[in-house]
C-alpha cells in the first residue's frame, strides 16, 4: 500500500481510525504561489458592489488549495508514504496581489489494525 496516498488517507488529526502508524517519514509539503489577474480583480470588484460571495476569489483560492494539496500528496508518495496525518493549510501574501498557499503534514506508512 506504500507509495500511493489516497485522499481518504489524509487527515488533520494525528491518528487514522482503523490504522496504526508503522513509519514516520517526516514533513511533506506542497507550495503554490498565485497572483490575481487584472480581469479577475475587475470582476471581483464588480461583485463587491452587490455583496455576498466573491466567486472569482473563491475559485482562485479553491484552485490554489487543490494544487497545493496535490503537490503535498506527490511529495508524500515520493517518500513512499500511504497516508498523511496532521495536515494543515497556510497562506501568506508574498507581495501585493501575490499569495503563497502551503499544504503540509506528516507523511506516514500505516497498516490496518
PDB file of N, CA and C in Angstrom:
ATOM      1  N   UNK A   1       0.809  -1.195   0.000  1.00  0.00           N
ATOM      2  CA  UNK A   1       0.000   0.000   0.000  1.00  0.00           C
ATOM      3  C   UNK A   1       0.856   1.264   0.000  1.00  0.00           C
ATOM      4  N   UNK A   2       2.141   1.173   0.344  1.00  0.00           N
ATOM      5  CA  UNK A   2       3.020   2.330   0.371  1.00  0.00           C
ATOM      6  C   UNK A   2       3.249   2.854  -1.042  1.00  0.00           C
ATOM      7  N   UNK A   3       3.437   4.163  -1.145  1.00  0.00           N
ATOM      8  CA  UNK A   3       3.734   4.768  -2.427  1.00  0.00           C
ATOM      9  C   UNK A   3       2.555   5.431  -3.096  1.00  0.00           C
ATOM     10  N   UNK A   4       1.350   5.229  -2.598  1.00  0.00           N
ATOM     11  CA  UNK A   4       0.160   5.866  -3.157  1.00  0.00           C
ATOM     12  C   UNK A   4      -0.673   6.398  -1.999  1.00  0.00           C
ATOM     13  N   UNK A   5      -0.960   7.702  -2.020  1.00  0.00           N
ATOM     14  CA  UNK A   5      -1.749   8.309  -0.946  1.00  0.00           C
ATOM     15  C   UNK A   5      -3.107   8.704  -1.509  1.00  0.00           C
ATOM     16  N   UNK A   6      -4.139   8.021  -1.074  1.00  0.00           N
ATOM     17  CA  UNK A   6      -5.500   8.361  -1.474  1.00  0.00           C
ATOM     18  C   UNK A   6      -5.990   9.525  -0.617  1.00  0.00           C
ATOM     19  N   UNK A   7      -6.874  10.355  -1.156  1.00  0.00           N
ATOM     20  CA  UNK A   7      -7.406  11.496  -0.412  1.00  0.00           C
ATOM     21  C   UNK A   7      -8.010  11.084   0.921  1.00  0.00           C
ATOM     22  N   UNK A   8      -8.597   9.899   0.963  1.00  0.00           N
ATOM     23  CA  UNK A   8      -9.222   9.410   2.192  1.00  0.00           C
ATOM     24  C   UNK A   8      -8.194   9.087   3.266  1.00  0.00           C
ATOM     25  N   UNK A   9      -6.924   9.017   2.883  1.00  0.00           N
ATOM     26  CA  UNK A   9      -5.853   8.679   3.821  1.00  0.00           C
ATOM     27  C   UNK A   9      -5.101   9.926   4.287  1.00  0.00           C
ATOM     28  N   UNK A  10      -5.751  11.074   4.169  1.00  0.00           N
ATOM     29  CA  UNK A  10      -5.194  12.338   4.652  1.00  0.00           C
ATOM     30  C   UNK A  10      -6.131  12.850   5.723  1.00  0.00           C
ATOM     31  N   UNK A  11      -5.560  13.246   6.860  1.00  0.00           N
ATOM     32  CA  UNK A  11      -6.380  13.730   7.963  1.00  0.00           C
ATOM     33  C   UNK A  11      -5.691  14.882   8.683  1.00  0.00           C
ATOM     34  N   UNK A  12      -6.490  15.756   9.261  1.00  0.00           N
ATOM     35  CA  UNK A  12      -5.949  16.824  10.098  1.00  0.00           C
ATOM     36  C   UNK A  12      -5.659  16.310  11.508  1.00  0.00           C
ATOM     37  N   UNK A  13      -6.168  15.135  11.827  1.00  0.00           N
ATOM     38  CA  UNK A  13      -5.903  14.513  13.131  1.00  0.00           C
ATOM     39  C   UNK A  13      -4.507  13.888  13.104  1.00  0.00           C
ATOM     40  N   UNK A  14      -4.081  13.398  14.260  1.00  0.00           N
ATOM     41  CA  UNK A  14      -2.758  12.784  14.333  1.00  0.00           C
ATOM     42  C   UNK A  14      -2.830  11.265  14.421  1.00  0.00           C
ATOM     43  N   UNK A  15      -4.018  10.742  14.145  1.00  0.00           N
ATOM     44  CA  UNK A  15      -4.189   9.299  14.013  1.00  0.00           C
ATOM     45  C   UNK A  15      -5.232   9.057  12.936  1.00  0.00           C
ATOM     46  N   UNK A  16      -5.272   7.841  12.447  1.00  0.00           N
ATOM     47  CA  UNK A  16      -6.197   7.467  11.383  1.00  0.00           C
ATOM     48  C   UNK A  16      -6.974   6.264  11.905  1.00  0.00           C
ATOM     49  N   UNK A  17      -8.260   6.435  12.232  1.00  0.00           N
ATOM     50  CA  UNK A  17      -9.038   5.335  12.805  1.00  0.00           C
ATOM     51  C   UNK A  17      -8.970   4.073  11.939  1.00  0.00           C
ATOM     52  N   UNK A  18      -8.705   2.946  12.608  1.00  0.00           N
ATOM     53  CA  UNK A  18      -8.608   1.675  11.903  1.00  0.00           C
ATOM     54  C   UNK A  18      -7.209   1.359  11.419  1.00  0.00           C
ATOM     55  N   UNK A  19      -6.274   2.276  11.630  1.00  0.00           N
ATOM     56  CA  UNK A  19      -4.895   2.097  11.181  1.00  0.00           C
ATOM     57  C   UNK A  19      -3.940   2.443  12.315  1.00  0.00           C
ATOM     58  N   UNK A  20      -2.736   1.902  12.202  1.00  0.00           N
ATOM     59  CA  UNK A  20      -1.679   2.299  13.136  1.00  0.00           C
ATOM     60  C   UNK A  20      -0.484   2.760  12.317  1.00  0.00           C
ATOM     61  N   UNK A  21       0.208   3.760  12.819  1.00  0.00           N
ATOM     62  CA  UNK A  21       1.396   4.285  12.136  1.00  0.00           C
ATOM     63  C   UNK A  21       2.543   3.305  12.358  1.00  0.00           C
ATOM     64  N   UNK A  22       3.147   2.863  11.251  1.00  0.00           N
ATOM     65  CA  UNK A  22       4.293   1.948  11.357  1.00  0.00           C
ATOM     66  C   UNK A  22       5.607   2.640  11.009  1.00  0.00           C
ATOM     67  N   UNK A  23       5.557   3.729  10.251  1.00  0.00           N
ATOM     68  CA  UNK A  23       6.752   4.522   9.919  1.00  0.00           C
ATOM     69  C   UNK A  23       6.380   5.988   9.810  1.00  0.00           C
ATOM     70  N   UNK A  24       7.177   6.850  10.424  1.00  0.00           N
ATOM     71  CA  UNK A  24       7.034   8.297  10.291  1.00  0.00           C
ATOM     72  C   UNK A  24       8.092   8.739   9.294  1.00  0.00           C
ATOM     73  N   UNK A  25       7.663   9.314   8.186  1.00  0.00           N
ATOM     74  CA  UNK A  25       8.570   9.660   7.088  1.00  0.00           C
ATOM     75  C   UNK A  25       8.888  11.144   7.010  1.00  0.00           C
ATOM     76  N   UNK A  26       8.388  11.920   7.955  1.00  0.00           N
ATOM     77  CA  UNK A  26       8.723  13.336   8.021  1.00  0.00           C
ATOM     78  C   UNK A  26       7.702  14.249   7.369  1.00  0.00           C
ATOM     79  N   UNK A  27       8.007  15.519   7.441  1.00  0.00           N
ATOM     80  CA  UNK A  27       7.122  16.564   6.924  1.00  0.00           C
ATOM     81  C   UNK A  27       7.126  16.558   5.399  1.00  0.00           C
ATOM     82  N   UNK A  28       5.937  16.696   4.827  1.00  0.00           N
ATOM     83  CA  UNK A  28       5.795  16.855   3.379  1.00  0.00           C
ATOM     84  C   UNK A  28       4.999  18.122   3.126  1.00  0.00           C
ATOM     85  N   UNK A  29       5.215  18.730   1.964  1.00  0.00           N
ATOM     86  CA  UNK A  29       4.518  19.975   1.683  1.00  0.00           C
ATOM     87  C   UNK A  29       4.282  20.143   0.189  1.00  0.00           C
ATOM     88  N   UNK A  30       3.318  20.981  -0.096  1.00  0.00           N
ATOM     89  CA  UNK A  30       3.033  21.405  -1.455  1.00  0.00           C
ATOM     90  C   UNK A  30       2.858  22.915  -1.413  1.00  0.00           C
ATOM     91  N   UNK A  31       3.598  23.629  -2.240  1.00  0.00           N
ATOM     92  CA  UNK A  31       3.560  25.089  -2.230  1.00  0.00           C
ATOM     93  C   UNK A  31       3.142  25.586  -3.602  1.00  0.00           C
ATOM     94  N   UNK A  32       2.186  26.518  -3.598  1.00  0.00           N
ATOM     95  CA  UNK A  32       1.719  27.156  -4.832  1.00  0.00           C
ATOM     96  C   UNK A  32       1.724  28.664  -4.593  1.00  0.00           C
ATOM     97  N   UNK A  33       2.196  29.417  -5.559  1.00  0.00           N
ATOM     98  CA  UNK A  33       2.160  30.876  -5.480  1.00  0.00           C
ATOM     99  C   UNK A  33       1.280  31.368  -6.624  1.00  0.00           C
ATOM    100  N   UNK A  34       0.260  32.129  -6.276  1.00  0.00           N
ATOM    101  CA  UNK A  34      -0.721  32.601  -7.260  1.00  0.00           C
ATOM    102  C   UNK A  34      -0.816  34.120  -7.222  1.00  0.00           C
ATOM    103  N   UNK A  35      -1.116  34.691  -8.371  1.00  0.00           N
ATOM    104  CA  UNK A  35      -1.403  36.128  -8.439  1.00  0.00           C
ATOM    105  C   UNK A  35      -2.802  36.310  -9.007  1.00  0.00           C
ATOM    106  N   UNK A  36      -3.403  37.407  -8.657  1.00  0.00           N
ATOM    107  CA  UNK A  36      -4.723  37.737  -9.201  1.00  0.00           C
ATOM    108  C   UNK A  36      -4.519  38.468 -10.520  1.00  0.00           C
ATOM    109  N   UNK A  37      -5.340  38.146 -11.497  1.00  0.00           N
ATOM    110  CA  UNK A  37      -5.236  38.813 -12.796  1.00  0.00           C
ATOM    111  C   UNK A  37      -5.997  40.128 -12.766  1.00  0.00           C
ATOM    112  N   UNK A  38      -5.694  40.991 -13.703  1.00  0.00           N
ATOM    113  CA  UNK A  38      -6.396  42.271 -13.824  1.00  0.00           C
ATOM    114  C   UNK A  38      -7.877  42.017 -14.080  1.00  0.00           C
ATOM    115  N   UNK A  39      -8.191  41.058 -14.954  1.00  0.00           N
ATOM    116  CA  UNK A  39      -9.588  40.732 -15.268  1.00  0.00           C
ATOM    117  C   UNK A  39     -10.289  40.199 -14.022  1.00  0.00           C
ATOM    118  N   UNK A  40      -9.612  39.289 -13.291  1.00  0.00           N
ATOM    119  CA  UNK A  40     -10.185  38.742 -12.069  1.00  0.00           C
ATOM    120  C   UNK A  40     -10.455  39.819 -11.040  1.00  0.00           C
ATOM    121  N   UNK A  41      -9.525  40.743 -10.881  1.00  0.00           N
ATOM    122  CA  UNK A  41      -9.721  41.851  -9.943  1.00  0.00           C
ATOM    123  C   UNK A  41     -10.897  42.728 -10.358  1.00  0.00           C
ATOM    124  N   UNK A  42     -11.040  42.953 -11.657  1.00  0.00           N
ATOM    125  CA  UNK A  42     -12.143  43.782 -12.159  1.00  0.00           C
ATOM    126  C   UNK A  42     -13.493  43.132 -11.865  1.00  0.00           C
ATOM    127  N   UNK A  43     -13.615  41.844 -12.220  1.00  0.00           N
ATOM    128  CA  UNK A  43     -14.870  41.114 -11.993  1.00  0.00           C
ATOM    129  C   UNK A  43     -15.166  41.042 -10.504  1.00  0.00           C
ATOM    130  N   UNK A  44     -14.141  40.753  -9.690  1.00  0.00           N
ATOM    131  CA  UNK A  44     -14.334  40.683  -8.241  1.00  0.00           C
ATOM    132  C   UNK A  44     -14.748  42.048  -7.699  1.00  0.00           C
ATOM    133  N   UNK A  45     -14.190  43.111  -8.252  1.00  0.00           N
ATOM    134  CA  UNK A  45     -14.564  44.465  -7.833  1.00  0.00           C
ATOM    135  C   UNK A  45     -16.033  44.741  -8.092  1.00  0.00           C
ATOM    136  N   UNK A  46     -16.530  44.281  -9.227  1.00  0.00           N
ATOM    137  CA  UNK A  46     -17.954  44.449  -9.540  1.00  0.00           C
ATOM    138  C   UNK A  46     -18.796  43.625  -8.567  1.00  0.00           C
ATOM    139  N   UNK A  47     -18.354  42.410  -8.265  1.00  0.00           N
ATOM    140  CA  UNK A  47     -19.100  41.552  -7.337  1.00  0.00           C
ATOM    141  C   UNK A  47     -19.179  42.178  -5.944  1.00  0.00           C
ATOM    142  N   UNK A  48     -18.155  42.916  -5.533  1.00  0.00           N
ATOM    143  CA  UNK A  48     -18.184  43.522  -4.195  1.00  0.00           C
ATOM    144  C   UNK A  48     -19.269  44.594  -4.087  1.00  0.00           C
ATOM    145  N   UNK A  49     -19.622  45.186  -5.197  1.00  0.00           N
ATOM    146  CA  UNK A  49     -20.679  46.207  -5.189  1.00  0.00           C
ATOM    147  C   UNK A  49     -22.003  45.596  -4.750  1.00  0.00           C
ATOM    148  N   UNK A  50     -22.255  44.360  -5.166  1.00  0.00           N
ATOM    149  CA  UNK A  50     -23.518  43.690  -4.861  1.00  0.00           C
ATOM    150  C   UNK A  50     -23.468  42.881  -3.568  1.00  0.00           C
ATOM    151  N   UNK A  51     -22.273  42.718  -3.010  1.00  0.00           N
ATOM    152  CA  UNK A  51     -22.128  41.974  -1.761  1.00  0.00           C
ATOM    153  C   UNK A  51     -22.200  40.474  -1.980  1.00  0.00           C
ATOM    154  N   UNK A  52     -22.034  39.730  -0.908  1.00  0.00           N
ATOM    155  CA  UNK A  52     -22.108  38.272  -0.980  1.00  0.00           C
ATOM    156  C   UNK A  52     -20.769  37.645  -1.304  1.00  0.00           C
ATOM    157  N   UNK A  53     -20.818  36.412  -1.747  1.00  0.00           N
ATOM    158  CA  UNK A  53     -19.626  35.642  -2.059  1.00  0.00           C
ATOM    159  C   UNK A  53     -18.929  36.213  -3.289  1.00  0.00           C
ATOM    160  N   UNK A  54     -17.643  36.442  -3.189  1.00  0.00           N
ATOM    161  CA  UNK A  54     -16.857  36.934  -4.328  1.00  0.00           C
ATOM    162  C   UNK A  54     -16.326  35.697  -5.058  1.00  0.00           C
ATOM    163  N   UNK A  55     -17.095  35.205  -6.003  1.00  0.00           N
ATOM    164  CA  UNK A  55     -16.811  33.907  -6.632  1.00  0.00           C
ATOM    165  C   UNK A  55     -15.460  33.852  -7.341  1.00  0.00           C
ATOM    166  N   UNK A  56     -15.018  34.960  -7.901  1.00  0.00           N
ATOM    167  CA  UNK A  56     -13.711  34.960  -8.585  1.00  0.00           C
ATOM    168  C   UNK A  56     -12.603  34.602  -7.603  1.00  0.00           C
ATOM    169  N   UNK A  57     -12.655  35.184  -6.410  1.00  0.00           N
ATOM    170  CA  UNK A  57     -11.630  34.902  -5.409  1.00  0.00           C
ATOM    171  C   UNK A  57     -11.830  33.529  -4.779  1.00  0.00           C
ATOM    172  N   UNK A  58     -13.086  33.127  -4.617  1.00  0.00           N
ATOM    173  CA  UNK A  58     -13.365  31.795  -4.075  1.00  0.00           C
ATOM    174  C   UNK A  58     -12.773  30.734  -4.987  1.00  0.00           C
ATOM    175  N   UNK A  59     -12.987  30.865  -6.285  1.00  0.00           N
ATOM    176  CA  UNK A  59     -12.464  29.904  -7.257  1.00  0.00           C
ATOM    177  C   UNK A  59     -10.938  29.904  -7.267  1.00  0.00           C
ATOM    178  N   UNK A  60     -10.342  31.096  -7.191  1.00  0.00           N
ATOM    179  CA  UNK A  60      -8.886  31.209  -7.174  1.00  0.00           C
ATOM    180  C   UNK A  60      -8.309  30.520  -5.934  1.00  0.00           C
ATOM    181  N   UNK A  61      -8.921  30.758  -4.780  1.00  0.00           N
ATOM    182  CA  UNK A  61      -8.456  30.148  -3.530  1.00  0.00           C
ATOM    183  C   UNK A  61      -8.626  28.633  -3.560  1.00  0.00           C
ATOM    184  N   UNK A  62      -9.762  28.177  -4.037  1.00  0.00           N
ATOM    185  CA  UNK A  62     -10.019  26.736  -4.095  1.00  0.00           C
ATOM    186  C   UNK A  62      -9.027  26.044  -5.025  1.00  0.00           C
ATOM    187  N   UNK A  63      -8.734  26.651  -6.159  1.00  0.00           N
ATOM    188  CA  UNK A  63      -7.772  26.085  -7.110  1.00  0.00           C
ATOM    189  C   UNK A  63      -6.381  26.041  -6.495  1.00  0.00           C
ATOM    190  N   UNK A  64      -5.973  27.111  -5.829  1.00  0.00           N
ATOM    191  CA  UNK A  64      -4.649  27.152  -5.207  1.00  0.00           C
ATOM    192  C   UNK A  64      -4.526  26.089  -4.117  1.00  0.00           C
ATOM    193  N   UNK A  65      -5.556  25.947  -3.287  1.00  0.00           N
ATOM    194  CA  UNK A  65      -5.522  24.924  -2.231  1.00  0.00           C
ATOM    195  C   UNK A  65      -5.486  23.525  -2.827  1.00  0.00           C
ATOM    196  N   UNK A  66      -6.279  23.304  -3.872  1.00  0.00           N
ATOM    197  CA  UNK A  66      -6.289  21.994  -4.530  1.00  0.00           C
ATOM    198  C   UNK A  66      -4.938  21.648  -5.133  1.00  0.00           C
ATOM    199  N   UNK A  67      -4.300  22.628  -5.762  1.00  0.00           N
ATOM    200  CA  UNK A  67      -2.981  22.390  -6.358  1.00  0.00           C
ATOM    201  C   UNK A  67      -1.932  22.127  -5.282  1.00  0.00           C
ATOM    202  N   UNK A  68      -1.977  22.885  -4.189  1.00  0.00           N
ATOM    203  CA  UNK A  68      -1.022  22.677  -3.087  1.00  0.00           C
ATOM    204  C   UNK A  68      -1.224  21.290  -2.466  1.00  0.00           C
ATOM    205  N   UNK A  69      -2.488  20.884  -2.297  1.00  0.00           N
ATOM    206  CA  UNK A  69      -2.815  19.564  -1.750  1.00  0.00           C
ATOM    207  C   UNK A  69      -2.240  18.464  -2.639  1.00  0.00           C
ATOM    208  N   UNK A  70      -2.439  18.602  -3.953  1.00  0.00           N
ATOM    209  CA  UNK A  70      -1.940  17.604  -4.906  1.00  0.00           C
ATOM    210  C   UNK A  70      -0.413  17.507  -4.837  1.00  0.00           C
ATOM    211  N   UNK A  71       0.269  18.637  -4.750  1.00  0.00           N
ATOM    212  CA  UNK A  71       1.725  18.627  -4.652  1.00  0.00           C
ATOM    213  C   UNK A  71       2.191  17.977  -3.349  1.00  0.00           C
ATOM    214  N   UNK A  72       1.449  18.214  -2.258  1.00  0.00           N
ATOM    215  CA  UNK A  72       1.780  17.582  -0.978  1.00  0.00           C
ATOM    216  C   UNK A  72       1.662  16.057  -1.102  1.00  0.00           C
ATOM    217  N   UNK A  73       0.579  15.580  -1.750  1.00  0.00           N
ATOM    218  CA  UNK A  73       0.414  14.137  -1.948  1.00  0.00           C
ATOM    219  C   UNK A  73       1.559  13.564  -2.775  1.00  0.00           C
ATOM    220  N   UNK A  74       1.980  14.276  -3.808  1.00  0.00           N
ATOM    221  CA  UNK A  74       3.100  13.813  -4.639  1.00  0.00           C
ATOM    222  C   UNK A  74       4.381  13.722  -3.811  1.00  0.00           C
ATOM    223  N   UNK A  75       4.613  14.716  -2.942  1.00  0.00           N
ATOM    224  CA  UNK A  75       5.791  14.695  -2.078  1.00  0.00           C
ATOM    225  C   UNK A  75       5.729  13.489  -1.136  1.00  0.00           C
ATOM    226  N   UNK A  76       4.540  13.214  -0.591  1.00  0.00           N
ATOM    227  CA  UNK A  76       4.364  12.054   0.298  1.00  0.00           C
ATOM    228  C   UNK A  76       4.609  10.754  -0.462  1.00  0.00           C
ATOM    229  N   UNK A  77       4.103  10.665  -1.680  1.00  0.00           N
ATOM    230  CA  UNK A  77       4.299   9.464  -2.488  1.00  0.00           C
ATOM    231  C   UNK A  77       5.772   9.263  -2.828  1.00  0.00           C
ATOM    232  N   UNK A  78       6.511  10.367  -3.053  1.00  0.00           N
ATOM    233  CA  UNK A  78       7.952  10.272  -3.305  1.00  0.00           C
ATOM    234  C   UNK A  78       8.677   9.642  -2.115  1.00  0.00           C
ATOM    235  N   UNK A  79       8.118   9.829  -0.934  1.00  0.00           N
ATOM    236  CA  UNK A  79       8.699   9.238   0.287  1.00  0.00           C
ATOM    237  C   UNK A  79       8.136   7.850   0.572  1.00  0.00           C
ATOM    238  N   UNK A  80       7.315   7.358  -0.344  1.00  0.00           N
ATOM    239  CA  UNK A  80       6.684   6.039  -0.238  1.00  0.00           C
ATOM    240  C   UNK A  80       5.729   5.938   0.946  1.00  0.00           C
ATOM    241  N   UNK A  81       5.049   7.042   1.237  1.00  0.00           N
ATOM    242  CA  UNK A  81       4.025   7.060   2.278  1.00  0.00           C
ATOM    243  C   UNK A  81       2.723   6.529   1.705  1.00  0.00           C
ATOM    244  N   UNK A  82       1.821   6.112   2.591  1.00  0.00           N
ATOM    245  CA  UNK A  82       0.475   5.763   2.148  1.00  0.00           C
ATOM    246  C   UNK A  82      -0.583   6.556   2.905  1.00  0.00           C
ATOM    247  N   UNK A  83      -0.123   7.546   3.712  1.00  0.00           N
ATOM    248  CA  UNK A  83      -1.049   8.413   4.432  1.00  0.00           C
ATOM    249  C   UNK A  83      -0.326   9.691   4.852  1.00  0.00           C
ATOM    250  N   UNK A  84      -1.118  10.717   5.142  1.00  0.00           N
ATOM    251  CA  UNK A  84      -0.591  11.970   5.686  1.00  0.00           C
ATOM    252  C   UNK A  84      -1.455  12.332   6.882  1.00  0.00           C
ATOM    253  N   UNK A  85      -0.813  12.572   8.025  1.00  0.00           N
ATOM    254  CA  UNK A  85      -1.539  12.968   9.231  1.00  0.00           C
ATOM    255  C   UNK A  85      -1.131  14.390   9.614  1.00  0.00           C
ATOM    256  N   UNK A  86      -1.962  15.024  10.432  1.00  0.00           N
ATOM    257  CA  UNK A  86      -1.666  16.387  10.884  1.00  0.00           C
ATOM    258  C   UNK A  86      -1.643  17.393   9.750  1.00  0.00           C
ATOM    259  N   UNK A  87      -2.439  17.163   8.708  1.00  0.00           N
ATOM    260  CA  UNK A  87      -2.430  18.018   7.523  1.00  0.00           C
ATOM    261  C   UNK A  87      -3.007  19.395   7.843  1.00  0.00           C
ATOM    262  N   UNK A  88      -2.369  20.431   7.308  1.00  0.00           N
ATOM    263  CA  UNK A  88      -2.800  21.813   7.502  1.00  0.00           C
ATOM    264  C   UNK A  88      -2.588  22.608   6.215  1.00  0.00           C
ATOM    265  N   UNK A  89      -3.287  23.753   6.138  1.00  0.00           N
ATOM    266  CA  UNK A  89      -3.063  24.742   5.086  1.00  0.00           C
ATOM    267  C   UNK A  89      -2.551  26.012   5.743  1.00  0.00           C
ATOM    268  N   UNK A  90      -1.765  26.762   4.997  1.00  0.00           N
ATOM    269  CA  UNK A  90      -1.329  28.076   5.433  1.00  0.00           C
ATOM    270  C   UNK A  90      -1.276  28.950   4.188  1.00  0.00           C
ATOM    271  N   UNK A  91      -1.456  30.231   4.357  1.00  0.00           N
ATOM    272  CA  UNK A  91      -1.378  31.164   3.225  1.00  0.00           C
ATOM    273  C   UNK A  91      -0.711  32.440   3.693  1.00  0.00           C
ATOM    274  N   UNK A  92       0.132  32.982   2.843  1.00  0.00           N
ATOM    275  CA  UNK A  92       0.843  34.224   3.144  1.00  0.00           C
ATOM    276  C   UNK A  92       0.869  35.095   1.906  1.00  0.00           C
ATOM    277  N   UNK A  93       0.757  36.380   2.113  1.00  0.00           N
ATOM    278  CA  UNK A  93       0.890  37.303   0.994  1.00  0.00           C
ATOM    279  C   UNK A  93       2.375  37.556   0.771  1.00  0.00           C
ATOM    280  N   UNK A  94       2.881  37.201  -0.405  1.00  0.00           N
ATOM    281  CA  UNK A  94       4.288  37.377  -0.747  1.00  0.00           C
ATOM    282  C   UNK A  94       4.542  38.837  -1.109  1.00  0.00           C
ATOM    283  N   UNK A  95       3.623  39.411  -1.864  1.00  0.00           N
ATOM    284  CA  UNK A  95       3.618  40.838  -2.214  1.00  0.00           C
ATOM    285  C   UNK A  95       2.187  41.178  -2.604  1.00  0.00           C
ATOM    286  N   UNK A  96       1.906  42.426  -2.819  1.00  0.00           N
ATOM    287  CA  UNK A  96       0.539  42.838  -3.139  1.00  0.00           C
ATOM    288  C   UNK A  96       0.003  42.045  -4.332  1.00  0.00           C
ATOM    289  N   UNK A  97      -1.101  41.310  -4.103  1.00  0.00           N
ATOM    290  CA  UNK A  97      -1.732  40.546  -5.169  1.00  0.00           C
ATOM    291  C   UNK A  97      -1.119  39.185  -5.435  1.00  0.00           C
ATOM    292  N   UNK A  98      -0.093  38.814  -4.670  1.00  0.00           N
ATOM    293  CA  UNK A  98       0.570  37.518  -4.860  1.00  0.00           C
ATOM    294  C   UNK A  98       0.530  36.761  -3.533  1.00  0.00           C
ATOM    295  N   UNK A  99      -0.063  35.569  -3.566  1.00  0.00           N
ATOM    296  CA  UNK A  99      -0.243  34.789  -2.343  1.00  0.00           C
ATOM    297  C   UNK A  99       0.364  33.405  -2.482  1.00  0.00           C
ATOM    298  N   UNK A 100       1.037  32.976  -1.417  1.00  0.00           N
ATOM    299  CA  UNK A 100       1.578  31.624  -1.324  1.00  0.00           C
ATOM    300  C   UNK A 100       0.565  30.789  -0.552  1.00  0.00           C
ATOM    301  N   UNK A 101       0.253  29.604  -1.059  1.00  0.00           N
ATOM    302  CA  UNK A 101      -0.602  28.658  -0.350  1.00  0.00           C
ATOM    303  C   UNK A 101       0.233  27.411  -0.102  1.00  0.00           C
ATOM    304  N   UNK A 102       0.250  26.978   1.148  1.00  0.00           N
ATOM    305  CA  UNK A 102       1.051  25.843   1.564  1.00  0.00           C
ATOM    306  C   UNK A 102       0.142  24.776   2.166  1.00  0.00           C
ATOM    307  N   UNK A 103       0.270  23.559   1.700  1.00  0.00           N
ATOM    308  CA  UNK A 103      -0.387  22.402   2.305  1.00  0.00           C
ATOM    309  C   UNK A 103       0.736  21.557   2.888  1.00  0.00           C
ATOM    310  N   UNK A 104       0.614  21.161   4.157  1.00  0.00           N
ATOM    311  CA  UNK A 104       1.683  20.386   4.765  1.00  0.00           C
ATOM    312  C   UNK A 104       1.140  19.412   5.800  1.00  0.00           C
ATOM    313  N   UNK A 105       1.938  18.413   6.096  1.00  0.00           N
ATOM    314  CA  UNK A 105       1.563  17.415   7.082  1.00  0.00           C
ATOM    315  C   UNK A 105       2.711  16.444   7.285  1.00  0.00           C
ATOM    316  N   UNK A 106       2.436  15.366   8.000  1.00  0.00           N
ATOM    317  CA  UNK A 106       3.445  14.348   8.269  1.00  0.00           C
ATOM    318  C   UNK A 106       3.147  13.114   7.428  1.00  0.00           C
ATOM    319  N   UNK A 107       4.100  12.743   6.596  1.00  0.00           N
ATOM    320  CA  UNK A 107       3.966  11.543   5.775  1.00  0.00           C
ATOM    321  C   UNK A 107       4.232  10.328   6.649  1.00  0.00           C
ATOM    322  N   UNK A 108       3.359   9.339   6.538  1.00  0.00           N
ATOM    323  CA  UNK A 108       3.498   8.119   7.337  1.00  0.00           C
ATOM    324  C   UNK A 108       3.167   6.903   6.492  1.00  0.00           C
ATOM    325  N   UNK A 109       3.618   5.761   6.965  1.00  0.00           N
ATOM    326  CA  UNK A 109       3.133   4.485   6.455  1.00  0.00           C
ATOM    327  C   UNK A 109       2.238   3.927   7.550  1.00  0.00           C
ATOM    328  N   UNK A 110       1.061   3.497   7.141  1.00  0.00           N
ATOM    329  CA  UNK A 110       0.117   2.930   8.103  1.00  0.00           C
ATOM    330  C   UNK A 110      -0.242   1.519   7.691  1.00  0.00           C
ATOM    331  N   UNK A 111      -0.720   0.770   8.693  1.00  0.00           N
ATOM    332  CA  UNK A 111      -1.200  -0.586   8.456  1.00  0.00           C
ATOM    333  C   UNK A 111      -2.536  -0.727   9.170  1.00  0.00           C
ATOM    334  N   UNK A 112      -3.429  -1.514   8.587  1.00  0.00           N
ATOM    335  CA  UNK A 112      -4.731  -1.770   9.230  1.00  0.00           C
ATOM    336  C   UNK A 112      -4.527  -2.426  10.579  1.00  0.00           C
ATOM    337  N   UNK A 113      -5.360  -2.053  11.514  1.00  0.00           N
ATOM    338  CA  UNK A 113      -5.276  -2.630  12.863  1.00  0.00           C
ATOM    339  C   UNK A 113      -5.929  -3.986  12.855  1.00  0.00           C
TER     340      UNK A 113
END
